[in-house]
Amino acid sequence: MPGFAWGVLVGCALSLLLAAAAGVWTHRRLVRLERRAIQAERLAEIGSLTGGLAHEIKNPLSTIQLNLQLLQEDLERDNPAYSRLTNRIGTVHRETSRLKDILDDFLRYAGRIELDRKPVELNELLEELVDFLTPQAQLQRVQLRLKKDPTPVVAHVDAKLIKQAVLNLLINGMQAMGDAGGELILALSVQGKNAVIDVIDTGPGIPPEQVERIFQAYYTTKKGGSGIGLAMARRIAEEHGGSIELKSEVGKGSCFTIHLPL
């Protein structure tokens, strides 16, 4: 029986070791989850505070813009400094407008998104976007083409937000091609249980080191860009349970792809 007793002891020891290991793993996991919960709570608090701060800044900006307009109206044209003063007022007005636009973009991005999901036929939605954007595309010498799926593609989405996300990608593509113009393709297809929306441009492409950061808020390589458009497109896709990805080749162009569950 000594051999049996020894086996029992070894078995008990192994069980205790396994139990201890499981306990340690469970403890560490709980600690990590607790830390994440605390971090999420802090981020939510920071988001609330920054949103409130943005509103507090935005309100006096509107007052400043109104008073600038009234001040310009009160200036007498026979004043020797009329031209110089109106130029300066115009500069201040433009900068306050730009700051107001930045705050509006931030509030849209940082604010809570409430989805109004309804059955939407995506071919029709994209066709409406193309009709809306075609005049602007023509002015920029961009040929905008739509490739619809041969069958109706119905998804339960917030039509307004999906339009915003796709429009952001289309505008980004037009800006990427610049004055040279080019071709901008909007395509819809179905892959498995997902609707796939591709936005393809023939611009200069995006270097690999920029691709990794392209969806980060406030990251932009464009002069005067807000850096919110692509970040907002990604957030909208993710809020719908989908995703967005980018494939780009320098010198050939870029392809942004939105995946939406059907």
C-alpha atoms as a PDB file:
ATOM      1  CA  MET A   1       0.000   0.000   0.000  1.00  0.00           C
ATOM      2  CA  PRO A   2       2.889   2.450   0.331  1.00  0.00           C
ATOM      3  CA  GLY A   3       2.897   2.875  -3.437  1.00  0.00           C
ATOM      4  CA  PHE A   4      -0.840   3.592  -3.397  1.00  0.00           C
ATOM      5  CA  ALA A   5      -0.424   6.100  -0.557  1.00  0.00           C
ATOM      6  CA  TRP A   6       2.416   7.782  -2.435  1.00  0.00           C
ATOM      7  CA  GLY A   7       0.259   8.061  -5.534  1.00  0.00           C
ATOM      8  CA  VAL A   8      -2.535   9.613  -3.495  1.00  0.00           C
ATOM      9  CA  LEU A   9      -0.112  12.159  -2.032  1.00  0.00           C
ATOM     10  CA  VAL A  10       1.271  13.041  -5.455  1.00  0.00           C
ATOM     11  CA  GLY A  11      -2.232  13.377  -6.841  1.00  0.00           C
ATOM     12  CA  CYS A  12      -3.250  15.651  -3.975  1.00  0.00           C
ATOM     13  CA  ALA A  13      -0.119  17.745  -4.418  1.00  0.00           C
ATOM     14  CA  LEU A  14      -0.750  18.131  -8.137  1.00  0.00           C
ATOM     15  CA  SER A  15      -4.375  19.042  -7.479  1.00  0.00           C
ATOM     16  CA  LEU A  16      -3.280  21.673  -4.974  1.00  0.00           C
ATOM     17  CA  LEU A  17      -0.743  23.082  -7.451  1.00  0.00           C
ATOM     18  CA  LEU A  18      -3.342  23.238 -10.199  1.00  0.00           C
ATOM     19  CA  ALA A  19      -5.851  24.839  -7.853  1.00  0.00           C
ATOM     20  CA  ALA A  20      -3.241  27.389  -6.744  1.00  0.00           C
ATOM     21  CA  ALA A  21      -2.324  28.158 -10.356  1.00  0.00           C
ATOM     22  CA  ALA A  22      -6.000  28.560 -11.232  1.00  0.00           C
ATOM     23  CA  GLY A  23      -6.469  30.801  -8.209  1.00  0.00           C
ATOM     24  CA  VAL A  24      -3.509  32.981  -9.201  1.00  0.00           C
ATOM     25  CA  TRP A  25      -4.760  33.217 -12.799  1.00  0.00           C
ATOM     26  CA  THR A  26      -8.262  34.096 -11.627  1.00  0.00           C
ATOM     27  CA  HIS A  27      -6.923  36.722  -9.223  1.00  0.00           C
ATOM     28  CA  ARG A  28      -4.781  38.333 -11.904  1.00  0.00           C
ATOM     29  CA  ARG A  29      -7.694  38.349 -14.340  1.00  0.00           C
ATOM     30  CA  LEU A  30      -9.949  39.990 -11.746  1.00  0.00           C
ATOM     31  CA  VAL A  31      -7.277  42.605 -11.078  1.00  0.00           C
ATOM     32  CA  ARG A  32      -6.964  43.325 -14.812  1.00  0.00           C
ATOM     33  CA  LEU A  33     -10.730  43.577 -15.200  1.00  0.00           C
ATOM     34  CA  GLU A  34     -10.920  45.891 -12.204  1.00  0.00           C
ATOM     35  CA  ARG A  35      -8.194  48.096 -13.639  1.00  0.00           C
ATOM     36  CA  ARG A  36      -9.976  48.217 -17.002  1.00  0.00           C
ATOM     37  CA  ALA A  37     -13.248  49.114 -15.291  1.00  0.00           C
ATOM     38  CA  ILE A  38     -11.540  51.919 -13.373  1.00  0.00           C
ATOM     39  CA  GLN A  39      -9.845  53.145 -16.568  1.00  0.00           C
ATOM     40  CA  ALA A  40     -13.131  53.031 -18.489  1.00  0.00           C
ATOM     41  CA  GLU A  41     -14.830  54.976 -15.698  1.00  0.00           C
ATOM     42  CA  ARG A  42     -12.074  57.589 -15.738  1.00  0.00           C
ATOM     43  CA  LEU A  43     -12.228  57.878 -19.535  1.00  0.00           C
ATOM     44  CA  ALA A  44     -15.999  58.312 -19.363  1.00  0.00           C
ATOM     45  CA  GLU A  45     -15.550  61.028 -16.733  1.00  0.00           C
ATOM     46  CA  ILE A  46     -12.877  62.757 -18.819  1.00  0.00           C
ATOM     47  CA  GLY A  47     -15.141  62.541 -21.871  1.00  0.00           C
ATOM     48  CA  SER A  48     -17.987  64.134 -19.942  1.00  0.00           C
ATOM     49  CA  LEU A  49     -15.729  66.899 -18.621  1.00  0.00           C
ATOM     50  CA  THR A  50     -14.183  67.679 -22.007  1.00  0.00           C
ATOM     51  CA  GLY A  51     -17.631  67.687 -23.625  1.00  0.00           C
ATOM     52  CA  GLY A  52     -18.841  70.165 -21.016  1.00  0.00           C
ATOM     53  CA  LEU A  53     -15.718  72.269 -21.491  1.00  0.00           C
ATOM     54  CA  ALA A  54     -16.241  72.304 -25.258  1.00  0.00           C
ATOM     55  CA  HIS A  55     -19.800  73.554 -24.773  1.00  0.00           C
ATOM     56  CA  GLU A  56     -18.584  76.261 -22.389  1.00  0.00           C
ATOM     57  CA  ILE A  57     -16.048  77.442 -24.976  1.00  0.00           C
ATOM     58  CA  LYS A  58     -18.542  77.250 -27.847  1.00  0.00           C
ATOM     59  CA  ASN A  59     -21.165  79.470 -26.238  1.00  0.00           C
ATOM     60  CA  PRO A  60     -19.005  82.623 -25.888  1.00  0.00           C
ATOM     61  CA  LEU A  61     -17.631  82.029 -29.397  1.00  0.00           C
ATOM     62  CA  SER A  62     -21.102  82.624 -30.795  1.00  0.00           C
ATOM     63  CA  THR A  63     -21.292  85.840 -28.778  1.00  0.00           C
ATOM     64  CA  ILE A  64     -17.880  86.942 -30.074  1.00  0.00           C
ATOM     65  CA  GLN A  65     -18.926  86.296 -33.680  1.00  0.00           C
ATOM     66  CA  LEU A  66     -22.138  88.288 -33.226  1.00  0.00           C
ATOM     67  CA  ASN A  67     -20.289  91.240 -31.668  1.00  0.00           C
ATOM     68  CA  LEU A  68     -17.691  91.184 -34.451  1.00  0.00           C
ATOM     69  CA  GLN A  69     -20.477  91.452 -36.993  1.00  0.00           C
ATOM     70  CA  LEU A  70     -22.083  94.357 -35.098  1.00  0.00           C
ATOM     71  CA  LEU A  71     -18.715  96.074 -34.734  1.00  0.00           C
ATOM     72  CA  GLN A  72     -18.093  95.830 -38.483  1.00  0.00           C
ATOM     73  CA  GLU A  73     -21.517  97.314 -39.183  1.00  0.00           C
ATOM     74  CA  ASP A  74     -20.772 100.239 -36.827  1.00  0.00           C
ATOM     75  CA  LEU A  75     -17.554 101.176 -38.616  1.00  0.00           C
ATOM     76  CA  GLU A  76     -17.800 104.319 -40.735  1.00  0.00           C
ATOM     77  CA  ARG A  77     -16.492 103.929 -44.270  1.00  0.00           C
ATOM     78  CA  ASP A  78     -14.910 107.384 -44.147  1.00  0.00           C
ATOM     79  CA  ASN A  79     -12.742 106.263 -41.224  1.00  0.00           C
ATOM     80  CA  PRO A  80      -9.083 106.326 -42.403  1.00  0.00           C
ATOM     81  CA  ALA A  81      -8.516 102.982 -40.697  1.00  0.00           C
ATOM     82  CA  TYR A  82     -11.673 101.372 -42.135  1.00  0.00           C
ATOM     83  CA  SER A  83      -9.886  98.986 -44.482  1.00  0.00           C
ATOM     84  CA  ARG A  84      -7.302  97.916 -41.886  1.00  0.00           C
ATOM     85  CA  LEU A  85      -9.927  97.409 -39.169  1.00  0.00           C
ATOM     86  CA  THR A  86     -12.303  95.426 -41.384  1.00  0.00           C
ATOM     87  CA  ASN A  87      -9.431  93.153 -42.432  1.00  0.00           C
ATOM     88  CA  ARG A  88      -8.546  92.481 -38.817  1.00  0.00           C
ATOM     89  CA  ILE A  89     -12.162  91.891 -37.857  1.00  0.00           C
ATOM     90  CA  GLY A  90     -12.461  89.504 -40.794  1.00  0.00           C
ATOM     91  CA  THR A  91      -9.386  87.591 -39.627  1.00  0.00           C
ATOM     92  CA  VAL A  92     -10.730  87.244 -36.088  1.00  0.00           C
ATOM     93  CA  HIS A  93     -14.138  86.182 -37.444  1.00  0.00           C
ATOM     94  CA  ARG A  94     -12.581  83.479 -39.639  1.00  0.00           C
ATOM     95  CA  GLU A  95     -10.497  82.119 -36.774  1.00  0.00           C
ATOM     96  CA  THR A  96     -13.440  82.017 -34.362  1.00  0.00           C
ATOM     97  CA  SER A  97     -15.476  80.239 -37.057  1.00  0.00           C
ATOM     98  CA  ARG A  98     -12.677  77.712 -37.506  1.00  0.00           C
ATOM     99  CA  LEU A  99     -12.490  77.125 -33.750  1.00  0.00           C
ATOM    100  CA  LYS A 100     -16.273  76.704 -33.614  1.00  0.00           C
ATOM    101  CA  ASP A 101     -16.091  74.112 -36.415  1.00  0.00           C
ATOM    102  CA  ILE A 102     -13.374  72.232 -34.511  1.00  0.00           C
ATOM    103  CA  LEU A 103     -15.538  72.175 -31.391  1.00  0.00           C
ATOM    104  CA  ASP A 104     -18.563  70.997 -33.402  1.00  0.00           C
ATOM    105  CA  ASP A 105     -16.487  68.142 -34.867  1.00  0.00           C
ATOM    106  CA  PHE A 106     -15.220  67.212 -31.414  1.00  0.00           C
ATOM    107  CA  LEU A 107     -18.691  67.179 -29.886  1.00  0.00           C
ATOM    108  CA  ARG A 108     -20.005  64.987 -32.715  1.00  0.00           C
ATOM    109  CA  TYR A 109     -17.105  62.569 -32.302  1.00  0.00           C
ATOM    110  CA  ALA A 110     -16.967  62.475 -28.498  1.00  0.00           C
ATOM    111  CA  GLY A 111     -20.718  62.534 -27.934  1.00  0.00           C
ATOM    112  CA  ARG A 112     -22.884  59.499 -27.398  1.00  0.00           C
ATOM    113  CA  ILE A 113     -24.241  57.944 -30.587  1.00  0.00           C
ATOM    114  CA  GLU A 114     -27.860  56.812 -30.490  1.00  0.00           C
ATOM    115  CA  LEU A 115     -28.569  54.502 -33.407  1.00  0.00           C
ATOM    116  CA  ASP A 116     -31.946  54.762 -35.130  1.00  0.00           C
ATOM    117  CA  ARG A 117     -31.844  51.372 -36.829  1.00  0.00           C
ATOM    118  CA  LYS A 118     -34.257  50.692 -39.669  1.00  0.00           C
ATOM    119  CA  PRO A 119     -34.227  48.358 -42.695  1.00  0.00           C
ATOM    120  CA  VAL A 120     -32.282  50.264 -45.365  1.00  0.00           C
ATOM    121  CA  GLU A 121     -31.615  49.213 -48.963  1.00  0.00           C
ATOM    122  CA  LEU A 122     -27.939  50.116 -49.325  1.00  0.00           C
ATOM    123  CA  ASN A 123     -27.909  50.364 -53.133  1.00  0.00           C
ATOM    124  CA  GLU A 124     -30.438  53.196 -52.922  1.00  0.00           C
ATOM    125  CA  LEU A 125     -28.586  54.884 -50.048  1.00  0.00           C
ATOM    126  CA  LEU A 126     -25.314  54.943 -51.993  1.00  0.00           C
ATOM    127  CA  GLU A 127     -27.064  56.144 -55.147  1.00  0.00           C
ATOM    128  CA  GLU A 128     -28.441  59.128 -53.200  1.00  0.00           C
ATOM    129  CA  LEU A 129     -24.927  59.944 -51.982  1.00  0.00           C
ATOM    130  CA  VAL A 130     -23.510  59.826 -55.511  1.00  0.00           C
ATOM    131  CA  ASP A 131     -26.269  62.113 -56.834  1.00  0.00           C
ATOM    132  CA  PHE A 132     -25.540  64.552 -54.002  1.00  0.00           C
ATOM    133  CA  LEU A 133     -21.759  64.592 -54.455  1.00  0.00           C
ATOM    134  CA  THR A 134     -21.474  64.430 -58.271  1.00  0.00           C
ATOM    135  CA  PRO A 135     -21.631  68.231 -58.878  1.00  0.00           C
ATOM    136  CA  GLN A 136     -18.782  68.841 -56.419  1.00  0.00           C
ATOM    137  CA  ALA A 137     -16.798  65.948 -57.888  1.00  0.00           C
ATOM    138  CA  GLN A 138     -17.141  67.381 -61.393  1.00  0.00           C
ATOM    139  CA  LEU A 139     -15.829  70.747 -60.213  1.00  0.00           C
ATOM    140  CA  GLN A 140     -12.729  68.960 -58.920  1.00  0.00           C
ATOM    141  CA  ARG A 141     -12.325  66.939 -62.132  1.00  0.00           C
ATOM    142  CA  VAL A 142     -13.161  63.718 -60.312  1.00  0.00           C
ATOM    143  CA  GLN A 143     -15.100  60.980 -62.086  1.00  0.00           C
ATOM    144  CA  LEU A 144     -17.416  59.502 -59.455  1.00  0.00           C
ATOM    145  CA  ARG A 145     -18.746  56.030 -60.308  1.00  0.00           C
ATOM    146  CA  LEU A 146     -21.125  53.739 -58.437  1.00  0.00           C
ATOM    147  CA  LYS A 147     -21.005  49.939 -58.663  1.00  0.00           C
ATOM    148  CA  LYS A 148     -24.184  48.573 -57.145  1.00  0.00           C
ATOM    149  CA  ASP A 149     -24.775  45.019 -56.022  1.00  0.00           C
ATOM    150  CA  PRO A 150     -26.994  43.195 -58.561  1.00  0.00           C
ATOM    151  CA  THR A 151     -29.490  42.256 -55.837  1.00  0.00           C
ATOM    152  CA  PRO A 152     -31.154  44.373 -53.115  1.00  0.00           C
ATOM    153  CA  VAL A 153     -28.959  44.627 -50.004  1.00  0.00           C
ATOM    154  CA  VAL A 154     -31.013  45.400 -46.903  1.00  0.00           C
ATOM    155  CA  ALA A 155     -29.296  46.124 -43.580  1.00  0.00           C
ATOM    156  CA  HIS A 156     -30.679  47.329 -40.255  1.00  0.00           C
ATOM    157  CA  VAL A 157     -28.688  50.523 -39.883  1.00  0.00           C
ATOM    158  CA  ASP A 158     -28.988  54.197 -39.052  1.00  0.00           C
ATOM    159  CA  ALA A 159     -29.225  55.588 -42.597  1.00  0.00           C
ATOM    160  CA  LYS A 160     -28.145  59.119 -41.605  1.00  0.00           C
ATOM    161  CA  LEU A 161     -24.997  57.912 -39.849  1.00  0.00           C
ATOM    162  CA  ILE A 162     -24.019  55.450 -42.578  1.00  0.00           C
ATOM    163  CA  LYS A 163     -24.387  58.250 -45.115  1.00  0.00           C
ATOM    164  CA  GLN A 164     -22.138  60.411 -42.968  1.00  0.00           C
ATOM    165  CA  ALA A 165     -19.472  57.700 -42.704  1.00  0.00           C
ATOM    166  CA  VAL A 166     -19.425  56.999 -46.452  1.00  0.00           C
ATOM    167  CA  LEU A 167     -19.537  60.711 -47.291  1.00  0.00           C
ATOM    168  CA  ASN A 168     -16.507  61.276 -45.054  1.00  0.00           C
ATOM    169  CA  LEU A 169     -14.623  58.597 -47.008  1.00  0.00           C
ATOM    170  CA  LEU A 170     -15.673  60.042 -50.370  1.00  0.00           C
ATOM    171  CA  ILE A 171     -14.616  63.560 -49.393  1.00  0.00           C
ATOM    172  CA  ASN A 172     -11.327  62.173 -48.097  1.00  0.00           C
ATOM    173  CA  GLY A 173     -10.724  60.492 -51.457  1.00  0.00           C
ATOM    174  CA  MET A 174     -11.487  63.679 -53.387  1.00  0.00           C
ATOM    175  CA  GLN A 175      -9.151  65.672 -51.170  1.00  0.00           C
ATOM    176  CA  ALA A 176      -6.427  63.055 -51.620  1.00  0.00           C
ATOM    177  CA  MET A 177      -6.584  63.403 -55.430  1.00  0.00           C
ATOM    178  CA  GLY A 178      -6.445  67.196 -55.193  1.00  0.00           C
ATOM    179  CA  ASP A 179      -6.427  69.469 -58.251  1.00  0.00           C
ATOM    180  CA  ALA A 180      -5.183  66.673 -60.501  1.00  0.00           C
ATOM    181  CA  GLY A 181      -8.548  64.929 -60.247  1.00  0.00           C
ATOM    182  CA  GLY A 182      -8.953  61.237 -60.895  1.00  0.00           C
ATOM    183  CA  GLU A 183     -11.421  58.418 -60.440  1.00  0.00           C
ATOM    184  CA  LEU A 184     -13.465  57.731 -57.312  1.00  0.00           C
ATOM    185  CA  ILE A 185     -15.357  54.433 -57.147  1.00  0.00           C
ATOM    186  CA  LEU A 186     -18.084  53.592 -54.657  1.00  0.00           C
ATOM    187  CA  ALA A 187     -18.905  49.884 -54.691  1.00  0.00           C
ATOM    188  CA  LEU A 188     -21.347  47.670 -52.795  1.00  0.00           C
ATOM    189  CA  SER A 189     -21.151  43.888 -52.480  1.00  0.00           C
ATOM    190  CA  VAL A 190     -22.138  41.095 -50.120  1.00  0.00           C
ATOM    191  CA  GLN A 191     -19.577  38.804 -48.505  1.00  0.00           C
ATOM    192  CA  GLY A 192     -21.066  36.112 -46.310  1.00  0.00           C
ATOM    193  CA  LYS A 193     -23.215  37.814 -43.678  1.00  0.00           C
ATOM    194  CA  ASN A 194     -21.734  41.256 -44.270  1.00  0.00           C
ATOM    195  CA  ALA A 195     -22.468  44.129 -46.613  1.00  0.00           C
ATOM    196  CA  VAL A 196     -19.192  45.532 -47.942  1.00  0.00           C
ATOM    197  CA  ILE A 197     -18.851  49.159 -49.045  1.00  0.00           C
ATOM    198  CA  ASP A 198     -15.624  50.060 -50.869  1.00  0.00           C
ATOM    199  CA  VAL A 199     -14.445  53.612 -51.508  1.00  0.00           C
ATOM    200  CA  ILE A 200     -11.571  53.498 -53.998  1.00  0.00           C
ATOM    201  CA  ASP A 201      -9.564  56.513 -55.179  1.00  0.00           C
ATOM    202  CA  THR A 202      -6.721  56.939 -57.655  1.00  0.00           C
ATOM    203  CA  GLY A 203      -4.837  59.403 -55.478  1.00  0.00           C
ATOM    204  CA  PRO A 204      -1.186  59.307 -54.450  1.00  0.00           C
ATOM    205  CA  GLY A 205      -1.716  56.553 -51.866  1.00  0.00           C
ATOM    206  CA  ILE A 206      -0.785  56.540 -48.199  1.00  0.00           C
ATOM    207  CA  PRO A 207       2.663  55.532 -46.857  1.00  0.00           C
ATOM    208  CA  PRO A 208       2.660  52.479 -44.527  1.00  0.00           C
ATOM    209  CA  GLU A 209       3.749  54.532 -41.513  1.00  0.00           C
ATOM    210  CA  GLN A 210       0.672  56.749 -41.919  1.00  0.00           C
ATOM    211  CA  VAL A 211      -1.767  53.877 -42.520  1.00  0.00           C
ATOM    212  CA  GLU A 212      -1.349  52.747 -38.902  1.00  0.00           C
ATOM    213  CA  ARG A 213      -2.483  56.146 -37.601  1.00  0.00           C
ATOM    214  CA  ILE A 214      -4.971  57.193 -40.254  1.00  0.00           C
ATOM    215  CA  PHE A 215      -8.075  56.459 -38.133  1.00  0.00           C
ATOM    216  CA  GLN A 216      -6.796  58.218 -35.015  1.00  0.00           C
ATOM    217  CA  ALA A 217      -8.758  61.287 -33.989  1.00  0.00           C
ATOM    218  CA  TYR A 218      -7.055  64.574 -34.918  1.00  0.00           C
ATOM    219  CA  TYR A 219      -4.409  62.856 -37.021  1.00  0.00           C
ATOM    220  CA  THR A 220      -4.291  64.462 -40.449  1.00  0.00           C
ATOM    221  CA  THR A 221      -1.771  65.046 -43.214  1.00  0.00           C
ATOM    222  CA  LYS A 222      -3.957  67.602 -45.011  1.00  0.00           C
ATOM    223  CA  LYS A 223      -3.527  71.330 -44.582  1.00  0.00           C
ATOM    224  CA  GLY A 224      -6.563  72.641 -42.752  1.00  0.00           C
ATOM    225  CA  GLY A 225      -7.911  69.150 -42.080  1.00  0.00           C
ATOM    226  CA  SER A 226      -9.645  68.461 -38.759  1.00  0.00           C
ATOM    227  CA  GLY A 227      -8.536  64.833 -38.441  1.00  0.00           C
ATOM    228  CA  ILE A 228     -12.048  63.803 -37.359  1.00  0.00           C
ATOM    229  CA  GLY A 229     -13.657  62.533 -40.579  1.00  0.00           C
ATOM    230  CA  LEU A 230     -11.977  59.120 -40.780  1.00  0.00           C
ATOM    231  CA  ALA A 231     -12.105  58.607 -37.010  1.00  0.00           C
ATOM    232  CA  MET A 232     -15.835  59.317 -37.104  1.00  0.00           C
ATOM    233  CA  ALA A 233     -16.329  56.897 -40.002  1.00  0.00           C
ATOM    234  CA  ARG A 234     -14.628  54.154 -37.998  1.00  0.00           C
ATOM    235  CA  ARG A 235     -16.692  54.890 -34.912  1.00  0.00           C
ATOM    236  CA  ILE A 236     -19.949  54.769 -36.872  1.00  0.00           C
ATOM    237  CA  ALA A 237     -18.992  51.433 -38.440  1.00  0.00           C
ATOM    238  CA  GLU A 238     -18.061  49.966 -35.049  1.00  0.00           C
ATOM    239  CA  GLU A 239     -21.237  51.267 -33.400  1.00  0.00           C
ATOM    240  CA  HIS A 240     -23.127  49.208 -35.992  1.00  0.00           C
ATOM    241  CA  GLY A 241     -21.130  46.107 -35.043  1.00  0.00           C
ATOM    242  CA  GLY A 242     -19.021  46.436 -38.168  1.00  0.00           C
ATOM    243  CA  SER A 243     -15.498  47.515 -39.015  1.00  0.00           C
ATOM    244  CA  ILE A 244     -13.461  49.619 -41.402  1.00  0.00           C
ATOM    245  CA  GLU A 245     -10.111  48.895 -42.988  1.00  0.00           C
ATOM    246  CA  LEU A 246      -7.684  50.532 -45.364  1.00  0.00           C
ATOM    247  CA  LYS A 247      -5.510  49.155 -48.149  1.00  0.00           C
ATOM    248  CA  SER A 248      -3.231  51.637 -49.875  1.00  0.00           C
ATOM    249  CA  GLU A 249      -0.351  51.613 -52.302  1.00  0.00           C
ATOM    250  CA  VAL A 250       1.823  54.657 -52.794  1.00  0.00           C
ATOM    251  CA  GLY A 251       1.512  55.948 -56.336  1.00  0.00           C
ATOM    252  CA  LYS A 252      -1.661  53.989 -57.118  1.00  0.00           C
ATOM    253  CA  GLY A 253      -4.349  54.961 -54.616  1.00  0.00           C
ATOM    254  CA  SER A 254      -6.314  53.774 -51.619  1.00  0.00           C
ATOM    255  CA  CYS A 255      -9.297  51.582 -50.825  1.00  0.00           C
ATOM    256  CA  PHE A 256     -11.351  52.121 -47.665  1.00  0.00           C
ATOM    257  CA  THR A 257     -13.706  49.257 -46.851  1.00  0.00           C
ATOM    258  CA  ILE A 258     -16.673  49.299 -44.467  1.00  0.00           C
ATOM    259  CA  HIS A 259     -18.077  45.948 -43.285  1.00  0.00           C
ATOM    260  CA  LEU A 260     -21.649  46.013 -41.955  1.00  0.00           C
ATOM    261  CA  PRO A 261     -23.481  42.972 -40.578  1.00  0.00           C
ATOM    262  CA  LEU A 262     -26.684  42.031 -42.390  1.00  0.00           C
END
